[in-house]
Protein backbone atom coordinates (compact mmCIF):
# COMPACT_ATOMS: atom_id res chain seq x y z
CA UNK A 1 -0.06 -0.07 -0.07
CA UNK A 2 1.38 3.26 -1.04
CA UNK A 3 0.37 6.46 0.98
CA UNK A 4 -0.36 9.50 -1.04
CA UNK A 5 1.07 12.89 0.44
CA UNK A 6 -2.26 14.41 -0.20
CA UNK A 7 -4.08 11.84 2.05
CA UNK A 8 -1.75 11.66 4.73
CA UNK A 9 -2.45 13.87 7.91
CA UNK A 10 0.19 16.57 8.49
CA UNK A 11 2.59 16.16 11.31
CA UNK A 12 2.22 18.87 14.26
CA UNK A 13 5.85 20.33 12.76
CA UNK A 14 4.50 20.63 9.51
CA UNK A 15 1.54 22.67 10.64
CA UNK A 16 3.68 24.88 12.85
CA UNK A 17 5.77 25.86 9.88
CA UNK A 18 2.76 26.35 7.91
CA UNK A 19 1.53 28.78 10.48
CA UNK A 20 4.76 30.60 10.72
CA UNK A 21 5.08 30.80 7.06
CA UNK A 22 1.82 32.44 6.82
CA UNK A 23 2.34 34.83 9.52
CA UNK A 24 5.62 35.93 8.07
CA UNK A 25 3.72 36.20 4.62
CA UNK A 26 0.99 38.51 6.16
CA UNK A 27 3.83 40.50 8.11
CA UNK A 28 5.86 41.24 4.87
CA UNK A 29 2.46 41.95 3.14
CA UNK A 30 1.63 44.41 5.53
CA UNK A 31 4.97 46.22 5.48
CA UNK A 32 5.01 46.20 1.87
CA UNK A 33 1.53 48.00 1.71
CA UNK A 34 2.61 50.53 4.47
CA UNK A 35 5.57 51.59 2.40
CA UNK A 36 3.41 51.67 -0.96
CA UNK A 37 0.78 53.99 0.74
CA UNK A 38 3.65 56.07 1.81
CA UNK A 39 5.10 56.34 -1.54
CA UNK A 40 1.85 57.04 -3.13
CA UNK A 41 0.94 59.90 -0.93
CA UNK A 42 3.94 61.76 -2.28
CA UNK A 43 2.71 61.36 -5.93
CA UNK A 44 2.00 65.05 -7.28
CA UNK A 45 3.28 65.11 -10.90
CA UNK A 46 4.78 62.69 -13.43
CA UNK A 47 8.23 63.39 -11.94
CA UNK A 48 6.99 62.16 -8.56
CA UNK A 49 5.00 59.25 -10.11
CA UNK A 50 8.05 57.67 -11.53
CA UNK A 51 9.99 57.92 -8.13
CA UNK A 52 7.00 56.33 -6.38
CA UNK A 53 6.92 53.62 -8.91
CA UNK A 54 10.54 52.90 -8.28
CA UNK A 55 10.13 52.94 -4.38
CA UNK A 56 7.16 50.46 -4.85
CA UNK A 57 8.89 48.14 -7.12
CA UNK A 58 11.91 47.96 -4.99
CA UNK A 59 9.68 46.06 -2.49
CA UNK A 60 7.48 44.23 -5.14
CA UNK A 61 9.86 43.51 -7.61
CA UNK A 62 11.04 39.97 -6.45
CA UNK A 63 7.40 38.98 -6.15
CA UNK A 64 6.42 40.19 -9.76
CA UNK A 65 9.48 38.33 -11.16
CA UNK A 66 10.46 38.38 -14.86
CA UNK A 67 14.07 38.80 -14.19
CA UNK A 68 16.58 36.80 -16.02
CA UNK A 69 19.27 35.08 -13.86
CA UNK A 70 22.10 32.70 -14.49
CA UNK A 71 19.73 29.55 -13.63
CA UNK A 72 16.83 30.68 -16.38
CA UNK A 73 14.09 33.41 -15.90
CA UNK A 74 12.26 33.73 -12.49
CA UNK A 75 8.38 33.85 -12.72
CA UNK A 76 6.02 35.73 -10.24
CA UNK A 77 5.86 34.56 -6.67
CA UNK A 78 3.14 31.72 -5.85
CA UNK A 79 1.03 33.16 -2.62
CA UNK A 80 0.77 30.40 -0.38
CA UNK A 81 -2.43 28.63 -0.27
CA UNK A 82 -3.37 26.42 2.74
CA UNK A 83 -5.49 26.26 5.96
CA UNK A 84 -2.94 28.44 7.98
CA UNK A 85 -3.11 31.24 5.44
CA UNK A 86 -6.96 31.32 6.02
CA UNK A 87 -6.50 31.61 9.62
CA UNK A 88 -3.96 34.22 9.22
CA UNK A 89 -6.28 36.42 7.01
CA UNK A 90 -8.71 36.28 9.61
CA UNK A 91 -6.33 37.56 12.09
CA UNK A 92 -4.99 40.43 9.99
CA UNK A 93 -8.08 41.11 8.29
CA UNK A 94 -8.93 44.61 9.92
CA UNK A 95 -5.36 45.70 9.62
CA UNK A 96 -5.46 44.64 5.66
CA UNK A 97 -8.68 46.38 5.04
CA UNK A 98 -7.85 49.66 6.76
CA UNK A 99 -4.31 49.65 4.42
CA UNK A 100 -6.40 48.78 1.36
CA UNK A 101 -8.75 51.60 1.99
CA UNK A 102 -5.78 54.01 2.29
CA UNK A 103 -4.39 52.31 -1.19
CA UNK A 104 -7.52 52.76 -2.97
CA UNK A 105 -7.89 56.38 -1.89
CA UNK A 106 -4.45 57.10 -2.81
CA UNK A 107 -5.09 55.61 -6.18
CA UNK A 108 -8.37 57.56 -6.69
CA UNK A 109 -6.48 60.46 -5.98
CA UNK A 110 -3.75 59.89 -8.47
CA UNK A 111 -6.35 59.11 -11.22
CA UNK A 112 -7.85 62.66 -10.37
CA UNK A 113 -4.49 63.94 -11.23
CA UNK A 114 -4.53 62.29 -14.91
CA UNK A 115 -0.85 61.33 -14.46
CA UNK A 116 0.13 58.99 -17.60
CA UNK A 117 2.97 56.86 -15.98
CA UNK A 118 3.16 53.24 -17.11
CA UNK A 119 5.68 52.34 -14.24
CA UNK A 120 3.25 53.80 -11.59
CA UNK A 121 0.43 51.69 -13.23
CA UNK A 122 2.64 48.43 -13.07
CA UNK A 123 3.65 49.07 -9.34
CA UNK A 124 0.03 49.54 -8.46
CA UNK A 125 -0.96 46.50 -10.21
CA UNK A 126 1.68 44.63 -8.27
CA UNK A 127 0.21 46.23 -4.89
CA UNK A 128 -3.25 44.94 -5.73
CA UNK A 129 -1.69 41.53 -6.70
CA UNK A 130 0.51 40.91 -3.65
């Protein structure tokens, strides 16, 4: 009889590691979003939009991927998907909602300025994805 890995119950150590990884993911996500909000608040014109985009992509560039390395090309990061992620999402829900409201307000404000900056659009997409 061969056990399938998907059918076997997880050990306590695996569960702890999943919880730790999920908590780390959300803590990093909160930190990235705070930095993105801070950068977006500084956008006043096209010049500051490019600076803000560079600042945001400094934190999100590794997640978006697409860089060519010696070992090949890197793709976008995968968001972990397990029970621990769901539990951590509930734990950090209020903080995430507050930051998302701030992000949406800044994005709306920038939209009203009618700034045409492709780099900033890509950075905002990265913030909304990760």
